[in-house]
Amino acid sequence: MSTLLWQKDGVEIDARIQRFLAGDDVVLDREFLRYDIRASREHARGLAAIGILSAEEFARIDGVLSRLDGDVEAGRFVLDERYEDGHSAIEAVLIEELGDTGRRIHTGRSRNDQVLVATRLWLLDRLDALRALCVDCARVALDRAADEMLQPMPGYTHLQRAVVSSTGAWWAAWAEAFVDNAWRARQTREWIDADPLGTAAGYGINLPLPREATGRALGFGRMQASPGYAQLSRGKFEMAALEAVGAALLDVRRLAWDLSLFTTSEFGFVRMPARYVTGSSIMPNKRNPDAIELLRASYAPVAAARAEIEQVLSLPSGYHRDLQFTKGPVVRGIEHGLAALALLPELLRSLEWRVEALDAALEPSMYATDLAIDLARQGIPFREAYVQAADPARWAAGDAVGSLRARVSPGAPGAPALDAVRARLDAIAS
């Protein structure tokens, strides 16, 4: 391992203890390294603005960091056990190439605000990705809702056949759900879009750092003013991002449950493309919907990551090394959630309905609600109409498409209000 950033006279280094302290930081910091480099460049620019670095020193630091960023992107530089973490790797490279000039980079900052700013930038990018994926899912569902609003299918409550519905109405529900998920991703992004760089170890620094200019250069919407709150927000903001991912995956879980049921022989409503199914190692006849089942389970690691961070945050104010354990869960949870969501748009696009099975599942009892409403419209008190419509002798096979057309309450198949959903989608997608 390279010389530790905090090493000084009187400090005893025990390799076993250092391995425990470092944990998975070197591996996890591969996720954040380019963001840390980017923030280091802007920190150096700020130091030059207040005279701590000369223009020539800044140019040399900027050149090395630019080259290091390219090497990381191309895979020529990979964090490994030579370094305690990504922060020490950046500083070690600068010192190796620039000597004392490299040793100036850490003036006015702490690893505390370094990890905060790198994590914050990473989270903002991941929330942008989440919003884009939710928009894609919503767009596919909304387009299919428009095309299929009058394609009859059974509507269920309590997993029992209830009323005539449509595949379009099914799609419309998921469309609006993913519009909401996209809005939540954007709102969460706006909330955590605050620059913590320059708060140092949580108490500020005796230098007039140009924090607002540095934050604007990094693309932040505002400066996180209180150094103390910068520390308090660590973990809190990560949990918020996980909650935004989790909200989308809760819908994925329910959608996957529907598809799990609809692909069974008992339902037979859906035909899955072959690439989304697997086989059994012993039963040659099996076509297993493994992709759907793992999508259904994908909320679990996101929820577990949030719970793990929440447990770590049982702390007083200020920085504590416990917070190192928030890094792994947020990476695992968010990356898994985004990977799951990335599979969904094409799955939704390629899903095929077995129309003959949908039609065969419609039965006379499913028109009873229509009958009760028709009787009420004729002036019969609804509770009496309800009793009359409950008599099986009055049930008869109905016109499924006619039933759908007659369902004209706003949002129902006869008046689906898809334009309002599309307007919200267009607003969040822009």
Protein backbone atom coordinates (compact mmCIF):
# COMPACT_ATOMS: atom_id res chain seq x y z
CA MET A 1 0.00 0.00 0.00
CA SER A 2 1.26 3.50 -0.79
CA THR A 3 2.03 5.97 2.00
CA LEU A 4 -1.17 6.72 3.89
CA LEU A 5 -2.51 10.26 3.60
CA TRP A 6 -2.70 10.59 7.38
CA GLN A 7 0.64 8.89 8.15
CA LYS A 8 2.97 10.85 10.44
CA ASP A 9 5.54 10.37 13.18
CA GLY A 10 4.29 8.32 16.10
CA VAL A 11 1.66 6.44 14.07
CA GLU A 12 2.05 2.68 14.07
CA ILE A 13 0.80 0.90 10.96
CA ASP A 14 -0.54 -2.63 11.36
CA ALA A 15 -1.24 -4.31 8.02
CA ARG A 16 -4.05 -6.47 9.39
CA ILE A 17 -5.83 -3.48 10.93
CA GLN A 18 -5.35 -1.47 7.75
CA ARG A 19 -6.94 -4.21 5.68
CA PHE A 20 -9.95 -4.12 7.97
CA LEU A 21 -10.13 -0.32 7.88
CA ALA A 22 -9.86 -0.16 4.10
CA GLY A 23 -12.44 -2.91 3.63
CA ASP A 24 -13.83 -2.82 0.10
CA ASP A 25 -13.06 0.86 -0.40
CA VAL A 26 -10.59 0.35 -3.22
CA VAL A 27 -13.07 -1.73 -5.20
CA LEU A 28 -16.06 0.49 -4.39
CA ASP A 29 -14.13 3.66 -5.18
CA ARG A 30 -13.77 2.49 -8.77
CA GLU A 31 -17.39 3.64 -9.09
CA PHE A 32 -16.58 7.10 -7.79
CA LEU A 33 -13.00 7.70 -8.99
CA ARG A 34 -13.78 9.75 -12.08
CA TYR A 35 -16.16 11.93 -10.07
CA ASP A 36 -13.44 12.39 -7.44
CA ILE A 37 -10.99 13.41 -10.18
CA ARG A 38 -13.50 15.88 -11.60
CA ALA A 39 -14.08 17.43 -8.17
CA SER A 40 -10.32 17.54 -7.54
CA ARG A 41 -9.81 19.56 -10.71
CA GLU A 42 -12.42 22.11 -9.67
CA HIS A 43 -11.03 22.26 -6.14
CA ALA A 44 -7.61 23.01 -7.63
CA ARG A 45 -9.15 25.69 -9.82
CA GLY A 46 -10.66 27.25 -6.70
CA LEU A 47 -7.29 27.18 -4.93
CA ALA A 48 -5.79 28.98 -7.90
CA ALA A 49 -8.53 31.60 -7.74
CA ILE A 50 -7.57 32.51 -4.16
CA GLY A 51 -3.79 32.39 -4.72
CA ILE A 52 -2.95 29.08 -3.02
CA LEU A 53 -1.87 27.67 -6.38
CA SER A 54 -0.19 29.65 -9.13
CA ALA A 55 -1.64 29.56 -12.61
CA GLU A 56 1.27 27.34 -13.68
CA GLU A 57 0.73 24.93 -10.77
CA PHE A 58 -2.96 24.68 -11.54
CA ALA A 59 -2.24 24.01 -15.20
CA ARG A 60 0.14 21.18 -14.28
CA ILE A 61 -2.36 19.65 -11.82
CA ASP A 62 -5.14 20.02 -14.37
CA GLY A 63 -3.05 18.26 -17.00
CA VAL A 64 -2.23 15.29 -14.76
CA LEU A 65 -5.82 14.93 -13.60
CA SER A 66 -7.10 15.11 -17.19
CA ARG A 67 -4.68 12.38 -18.21
CA LEU A 68 -5.58 10.27 -15.15
CA ASP A 69 -9.27 10.60 -15.97
CA GLY A 70 -8.60 9.36 -19.49
CA ASP A 71 -6.54 6.47 -18.16
CA VAL A 72 -9.35 5.45 -15.80
CA GLU A 73 -11.94 5.67 -18.57
CA ALA A 74 -9.77 3.56 -20.91
CA GLY A 75 -8.93 1.00 -18.21
CA ARG A 76 -5.23 1.85 -18.17
CA PHE A 77 -5.45 2.86 -14.52
CA VAL A 78 -7.35 0.62 -12.10
CA LEU A 79 -7.60 1.11 -8.36
CA ASP A 80 -5.95 -1.78 -6.53
CA GLU A 81 -4.45 -2.69 -3.18
CA ARG A 82 -1.56 -0.24 -3.67
CA TYR A 83 -3.90 2.47 -2.43
CA GLU A 84 -6.01 2.94 0.67
CA ASP A 85 -8.85 4.41 -1.38
CA GLY A 86 -9.57 6.51 -4.44
CA HIS A 87 -8.67 9.76 -2.69
CA SER A 88 -5.19 8.55 -1.82
CA ALA A 89 -4.70 7.23 -5.36
CA ILE A 90 -5.39 10.66 -6.87
CA GLU A 91 -3.04 12.38 -4.48
CA ALA A 92 -0.36 9.71 -4.93
CA VAL A 93 -0.42 10.16 -8.72
CA LEU A 94 -0.16 13.94 -8.39
CA ILE A 95 2.75 13.73 -5.96
CA GLU A 96 4.54 11.12 -8.07
CA GLU A 97 4.34 13.31 -11.16
CA LEU A 98 4.48 16.83 -9.70
CA GLY A 99 6.23 16.55 -6.33
CA ASP A 100 5.44 19.46 -4.03
CA THR A 101 2.90 20.88 -6.45
CA GLY A 102 0.93 17.64 -6.08
CA ARG A 103 1.20 17.91 -2.31
CA ARG A 104 -0.75 21.19 -2.45
CA ILE A 105 -3.98 19.63 -3.80
CA HIS A 106 -5.40 18.74 -0.40
CA THR A 107 -5.17 22.30 0.95
CA GLY A 108 -8.58 23.28 2.29
CA ARG A 109 -10.33 19.95 1.87
CA SER A 110 -10.84 16.69 3.71
CA ARG A 111 -11.53 13.19 2.56
CA ASN A 112 -14.91 13.83 4.17
CA ASP A 113 -16.00 16.40 1.60
CA GLN A 114 -14.17 14.49 -1.12
CA VAL A 115 -16.31 11.40 -0.63
CA LEU A 116 -19.42 13.53 -0.21
CA VAL A 117 -18.97 15.37 -3.50
CA ALA A 118 -17.99 12.27 -5.47
CA THR A 119 -20.93 10.32 -4.10
CA ARG A 120 -23.30 13.22 -4.70
CA LEU A 121 -22.22 13.54 -8.35
CA TRP A 122 -22.57 9.77 -8.79
CA LEU A 123 -26.06 9.84 -7.29
CA LEU A 124 -27.16 12.67 -9.58
CA ASP A 125 -26.10 10.69 -12.63
CA ARG A 126 -27.84 7.56 -11.37
CA LEU A 127 -31.05 9.48 -10.73
CA ASP A 128 -30.88 10.84 -14.27
CA ALA A 129 -30.57 7.24 -15.49
CA LEU A 130 -33.50 6.20 -13.30
CA ARG A 131 -35.68 8.97 -14.68
CA ALA A 132 -34.77 8.04 -18.27
CA LEU A 133 -35.59 4.36 -17.71
CA CYS A 134 -38.93 5.18 -16.09
CA VAL A 135 -39.74 7.50 -19.00
CA ASP A 136 -38.96 4.67 -21.44
CA CYS A 137 -41.19 2.25 -19.54
CA ALA A 138 -44.00 4.80 -19.36
CA ARG A 139 -43.75 5.59 -23.06
CA VAL A 140 -43.99 1.93 -24.09
CA ALA A 141 -46.93 1.35 -21.76
CA LEU A 142 -48.71 4.52 -22.87
CA ASP A 143 -48.34 3.71 -26.57
CA ARG A 144 -49.69 0.22 -26.01
CA ALA A 145 -52.53 1.58 -23.88
CA ALA A 146 -53.60 3.80 -26.76
CA ASP A 147 -53.48 0.92 -29.23
CA GLU A 148 -55.24 -1.64 -27.03
CA MET A 149 -57.82 0.28 -25.02
CA LEU A 150 -60.70 -1.74 -26.51
CA GLN A 151 -59.00 -5.15 -26.42
CA PRO A 152 -61.06 -6.98 -23.78
CA MET A 153 -59.49 -8.91 -20.93
CA PRO A 154 -60.78 -9.97 -17.50
CA GLY A 155 -60.37 -7.48 -14.70
CA TYR A 156 -59.58 -9.03 -11.32
CA THR A 157 -60.05 -8.18 -7.67
CA HIS A 158 -58.84 -10.59 -5.00
CA LEU A 159 -57.50 -12.68 -7.94
CA GLN A 160 -61.12 -13.44 -8.82
CA ARG A 161 -62.77 -12.48 -12.10
CA ALA A 162 -64.60 -9.22 -11.49
CA VAL A 163 -65.49 -7.07 -14.53
CA VAL A 164 -64.64 -6.75 -18.19
CA SER A 165 -61.47 -4.69 -18.55
CA SER A 166 -58.97 -4.23 -21.36
CA THR A 167 -55.30 -4.77 -22.03
CA GLY A 168 -55.17 -1.04 -22.74
CA ALA A 169 -56.47 -0.25 -19.26
CA TRP A 170 -53.82 -2.61 -17.86
CA TRP A 171 -51.12 -0.75 -19.78
CA ALA A 172 -52.49 2.65 -18.75
CA ALA A 173 -52.04 1.78 -15.09
CA TRP A 174 -48.36 1.00 -15.58
CA ALA A 175 -47.88 4.06 -17.79
CA GLU A 176 -49.07 6.42 -15.08
CA ALA A 177 -47.12 4.51 -12.44
CA PHE A 178 -43.85 4.98 -14.31
CA VAL A 179 -44.62 8.63 -15.02
CA ASP A 180 -44.91 9.08 -11.25
CA ASN A 181 -41.66 7.15 -10.76
CA ALA A 182 -39.91 9.45 -13.24
CA TRP A 183 -41.24 12.49 -11.39
CA ARG A 184 -39.99 11.05 -8.12
CA ALA A 185 -36.54 10.49 -9.59
CA ARG A 186 -36.39 14.12 -10.73
CA GLN A 187 -37.69 15.50 -7.45
CA THR A 188 -35.17 13.41 -5.49
CA ARG A 189 -32.42 14.67 -7.76
CA GLU A 190 -33.46 18.28 -7.16
CA TRP A 191 -33.42 17.70 -3.42
CA ILE A 192 -29.90 16.28 -3.28
CA ASP A 193 -28.46 18.59 -5.95
CA ALA A 194 -26.34 20.48 -3.43
CA ASP A 195 -22.56 20.88 -3.48
CA PRO A 196 -20.76 19.84 -0.26
CA LEU A 197 -17.23 20.49 -1.57
CA GLY A 198 -15.38 23.00 0.58
CA THR A 199 -17.06 22.02 3.84
CA ALA A 200 -13.89 20.05 4.71
CA ALA A 201 -14.29 17.85 7.80
CA GLY A 202 -17.60 19.43 8.74
CA TYR A 203 -16.47 22.73 10.27
CA GLY A 204 -15.37 24.84 7.32
CA ILE A 205 -11.83 26.00 6.67
CA ASN A 206 -9.87 29.21 7.25
CA LEU A 207 -9.66 30.02 3.54
CA PRO A 208 -12.08 32.03 1.36
CA LEU A 209 -12.80 29.09 -0.92
CA PRO A 210 -14.94 30.11 -3.94
CA ARG A 211 -17.51 27.46 -3.12
CA GLU A 212 -20.37 28.80 -5.23
CA ALA A 213 -18.22 29.11 -8.36
CA THR A 214 -16.78 25.63 -7.79
CA GLY A 215 -20.26 24.17 -7.38
CA ARG A 216 -21.48 25.81 -10.59
CA ALA A 217 -18.47 24.41 -12.46
CA LEU A 218 -19.39 20.93 -11.19
CA GLY A 219 -22.98 21.40 -12.35
CA PHE A 220 -24.64 21.61 -8.95
CA GLY A 221 -27.86 23.56 -8.55
CA ARG A 222 -26.91 25.10 -5.21
CA MET A 223 -24.31 25.12 -2.47
CA GLN A 224 -24.86 23.04 0.64
CA ALA A 225 -24.30 25.85 3.10
CA SER A 226 -23.77 24.28 6.51
CA PRO A 227 -20.60 22.16 6.86
CA GLY A 228 -22.29 20.34 9.73
CA TYR A 229 -25.29 19.46 7.61
CA ALA A 230 -23.02 18.25 4.82
CA GLN A 231 -21.91 15.53 7.24
CA LEU A 232 -25.43 14.90 8.53
CA SER A 233 -26.70 14.42 4.97
CA ARG A 234 -24.35 11.54 4.26
CA GLY A 235 -26.42 8.39 4.16
CA LYS A 236 -29.65 10.41 4.28
CA PHE A 237 -29.31 11.43 0.63
CA GLU A 238 -28.23 7.91 -0.37
CA MET A 239 -31.36 6.51 1.28
CA ALA A 240 -33.49 9.00 -0.65
CA ALA A 241 -31.98 7.83 -3.94
CA LEU A 242 -32.56 4.21 -2.97
CA GLU A 243 -36.16 5.05 -2.11
CA ALA A 244 -36.64 6.54 -5.59
CA VAL A 245 -35.23 3.39 -7.19
CA GLY A 246 -37.29 1.26 -4.81
CA ALA A 247 -40.52 3.07 -5.72
CA ALA A 248 -40.03 2.05 -9.35
CA LEU A 249 -39.13 -1.50 -8.39
CA LEU A 250 -42.25 -1.86 -6.26
CA ASP A 251 -44.21 -1.32 -9.47
CA VAL A 252 -41.91 -3.71 -11.30
CA ARG A 253 -42.62 -6.31 -8.62
CA ARG A 254 -46.39 -6.05 -9.08
CA LEU A 255 -46.12 -5.97 -12.86
CA ALA A 256 -43.88 -9.05 -12.76
CA TRP A 257 -46.43 -10.78 -10.54
CA ASP A 258 -49.11 -10.15 -13.16
CA LEU A 259 -46.90 -11.57 -15.89
CA SER A 260 -45.97 -14.55 -13.72
CA LEU A 261 -49.66 -15.38 -13.42
CA PHE A 262 -50.56 -14.52 -17.01
CA THR A 263 -47.87 -16.82 -18.43
CA THR A 264 -49.12 -19.89 -16.51
CA SER A 265 -51.07 -22.57 -18.33
CA GLU A 266 -54.01 -21.79 -16.04
CA PHE A 267 -54.22 -18.24 -17.41
CA GLY A 268 -52.37 -18.47 -20.72
CA PHE A 269 -52.88 -14.76 -21.43
CA VAL A 270 -49.30 -13.88 -22.38
CA ARG A 271 -46.73 -15.30 -24.74
CA MET A 272 -43.19 -14.46 -23.63
CA PRO A 273 -40.33 -14.06 -26.12
CA ALA A 274 -37.93 -16.99 -25.89
CA ARG A 275 -35.02 -14.86 -24.69
CA TYR A 276 -36.85 -14.11 -21.43
CA VAL A 277 -37.39 -17.75 -20.46
CA THR A 278 -35.08 -20.58 -19.43
CA GLY A 279 -35.40 -24.35 -19.14
CA SER A 280 -35.22 -26.93 -16.41
CA SER A 281 -32.10 -29.00 -15.85
CA ILE A 282 -34.23 -32.14 -15.47
CA MET A 283 -37.69 -31.49 -17.00
CA PRO A 284 -37.41 -31.16 -20.78
CA ASN A 285 -40.90 -29.69 -21.12
CA LYS A 286 -40.30 -26.63 -18.95
CA ARG A 287 -40.16 -22.99 -20.09
CA ASN A 288 -39.50 -21.03 -16.93
CA PRO A 289 -40.09 -17.24 -16.70
CA ASP A 290 -36.88 -16.72 -14.73
CA ALA A 291 -36.31 -13.16 -15.94
CA ILE A 292 -39.75 -12.13 -14.69
CA GLU A 293 -39.22 -13.85 -11.37
CA LEU A 294 -35.88 -12.11 -10.79
CA LEU A 295 -37.44 -8.80 -11.75
CA ARG A 296 -40.12 -9.55 -9.16
CA ALA A 297 -37.41 -10.14 -6.55
CA SER A 298 -35.33 -7.09 -7.45
CA TYR A 299 -36.94 -4.79 -4.93
CA ALA A 300 -35.41 -6.88 -2.14
CA PRO A 301 -31.74 -5.86 -2.55
CA VAL A 302 -32.74 -2.20 -2.89
CA ALA A 303 -34.83 -2.32 0.28
CA ALA A 304 -32.04 -4.21 2.05
CA ALA A 305 -29.50 -1.57 1.04
CA ARG A 306 -31.69 1.19 2.44
CA ALA A 307 -32.16 -0.71 5.70
CA GLU A 308 -28.42 -1.30 5.98
CA ILE A 309 -27.65 2.41 5.63
CA GLU A 310 -30.41 3.32 8.08
CA GLN A 311 -28.81 1.07 10.69
CA VAL A 312 -25.41 2.69 10.18
CA LEU A 313 -26.90 6.16 10.74
CA SER A 314 -27.56 5.57 14.42
CA LEU A 315 -24.86 8.17 15.15
CA PRO A 316 -24.36 11.58 16.76
CA SER A 317 -23.53 14.57 14.56
CA GLY A 318 -20.17 14.96 12.85
CA TYR A 319 -18.17 12.46 10.86
CA HIS A 320 -17.68 8.88 12.08
CA ARG A 321 -15.84 6.09 10.31
CA ASP A 322 -19.01 3.98 10.53
CA LEU A 323 -20.20 5.97 7.50
CA GLN A 324 -17.75 4.07 5.33
CA PHE A 325 -20.26 1.22 5.50
CA THR A 326 -22.88 3.28 3.62
CA LYS A 327 -20.88 3.13 0.39
CA GLY A 328 -21.30 -0.56 -0.39
CA PRO A 329 -25.08 -0.74 0.05
CA VAL A 330 -25.79 2.33 -2.07
CA VAL A 331 -23.67 1.03 -4.95
CA ARG A 332 -25.12 -2.47 -4.76
CA GLY A 333 -28.72 -1.36 -4.37
CA ILE A 334 -28.81 1.34 -7.02
CA GLU A 335 -26.78 -0.55 -9.61
CA HIS A 336 -28.93 -3.65 -9.19
CA GLY A 337 -32.12 -1.62 -9.41
CA LEU A 338 -31.03 0.17 -12.59
CA ALA A 339 -29.89 -3.09 -14.17
CA ALA A 340 -33.32 -4.60 -13.51
CA LEU A 341 -35.17 -1.58 -14.86
CA ALA A 342 -33.01 -1.56 -17.98
CA LEU A 343 -34.54 -4.91 -19.00
CA LEU A 344 -38.11 -3.70 -18.71
CA PRO A 345 -38.80 -1.44 -21.74
CA GLU A 346 -37.94 -4.11 -24.31
CA LEU A 347 -39.79 -6.77 -22.31
CA LEU A 348 -42.92 -4.61 -22.32
CA ARG A 349 -42.49 -3.79 -25.99
CA SER A 350 -42.21 -7.44 -27.02
CA LEU A 351 -44.93 -8.92 -24.78
CA GLU A 352 -47.69 -10.64 -26.82
CA TRP A 353 -51.26 -11.22 -25.70
CA ARG A 354 -53.03 -14.48 -26.51
CA VAL A 355 -56.31 -12.89 -27.51
CA GLU A 356 -58.19 -16.16 -27.73
CA ALA A 357 -57.37 -16.92 -24.08
CA LEU A 358 -58.41 -13.42 -23.01
CA ASP A 359 -61.77 -13.77 -24.76
CA ALA A 360 -62.35 -17.26 -23.36
CA ALA A 361 -61.86 -15.98 -19.81
CA LEU A 362 -64.77 -13.53 -20.09
CA GLU A 363 -67.96 -14.87 -18.51
CA PRO A 364 -71.54 -13.58 -18.01
CA SER A 365 -71.04 -12.73 -14.31
CA MET A 366 -68.51 -10.07 -15.31
CA TYR A 367 -71.31 -7.90 -16.76
CA ALA A 368 -73.23 -7.77 -13.46
CA THR A 369 -71.77 -4.40 -12.49
CA ASP A 370 -72.79 -2.95 -15.87
CA LEU A 371 -76.30 -4.26 -15.27
CA ALA A 372 -76.48 -2.68 -11.80
CA ILE A 373 -75.40 0.69 -13.18
CA ASP A 374 -77.89 0.47 -16.07
CA LEU A 375 -80.71 -0.25 -13.60
CA ALA A 376 -79.63 2.66 -11.40
CA ARG A 377 -79.61 4.93 -14.45
CA GLN A 378 -83.25 3.90 -15.01
CA GLY A 379 -84.11 5.29 -11.57
CA ILE A 380 -83.88 2.18 -9.41
CA PRO A 381 -82.03 2.93 -6.14
CA PHE A 382 -78.54 1.51 -6.51
CA ARG A 383 -78.76 -0.82 -3.53
CA GLU A 384 -81.90 -2.39 -4.99
CA ALA A 385 -80.28 -2.47 -8.45
CA TYR A 386 -77.31 -4.20 -6.86
CA VAL A 387 -79.55 -6.96 -5.46
CA GLN A 388 -81.32 -7.47 -8.79
CA ALA A 389 -78.00 -7.60 -10.69
CA ALA A 390 -76.66 -10.19 -8.24
CA ASP A 391 -79.23 -12.72 -9.45
CA PRO A 392 -77.42 -15.20 -11.77
CA ALA A 393 -80.64 -15.65 -13.70
CA ARG A 394 -80.17 -12.12 -15.04
CA TRP A 395 -76.62 -12.70 -16.23
CA ALA A 396 -75.98 -13.17 -19.90
CA ALA A 397 -73.02 -13.02 -22.22
CA GLY A 398 -72.49 -9.40 -23.11
CA ASP A 399 -70.73 -7.27 -25.66
CA ALA A 400 -67.24 -6.84 -24.23
CA VAL A 401 -66.22 -3.97 -26.50
CA GLY A 402 -69.59 -2.29 -25.93
CA SER A 403 -69.06 -2.60 -22.18
CA LEU A 404 -65.66 -0.94 -22.51
CA ARG A 405 -67.02 1.88 -24.67
CA ALA A 406 -69.78 2.53 -22.13
CA ARG A 407 -67.27 2.91 -19.30
CA VAL A 408 -67.03 6.70 -19.68
CA SER A 409 -65.96 7.90 -16.23
CA PRO A 410 -62.73 9.87 -16.81
CA GLY A 411 -59.80 7.48 -16.98
CA ALA A 412 -61.95 4.41 -17.75
CA PRO A 413 -61.65 2.62 -21.13
CA GLY A 414 -64.41 4.70 -22.74
CA ALA A 415 -62.69 7.97 -21.75
CA PRO A 416 -59.12 6.95 -20.89
CA ALA A 417 -57.56 10.43 -20.39
CA LEU A 418 -54.29 9.27 -21.92
CA ASP A 419 -53.56 12.78 -23.18
CA ALA A 420 -53.21 14.01 -19.60
CA VAL A 421 -50.78 11.21 -18.79
CA ARG A 422 -48.82 11.87 -21.99
CA ALA A 423 -48.58 15.58 -21.14
CA ARG A 424 -47.02 14.72 -17.78
CA LEU A 425 -44.70 12.26 -19.47
CA ASP A 426 -43.55 14.82 -22.03
CA ALA A 427 -42.93 17.35 -19.27
CA ILE A 428 -40.74 14.97 -17.25
CA ALA A 429 -38.94 13.65 -20.33
CA SER A 430 -37.85 17.10 -21.53
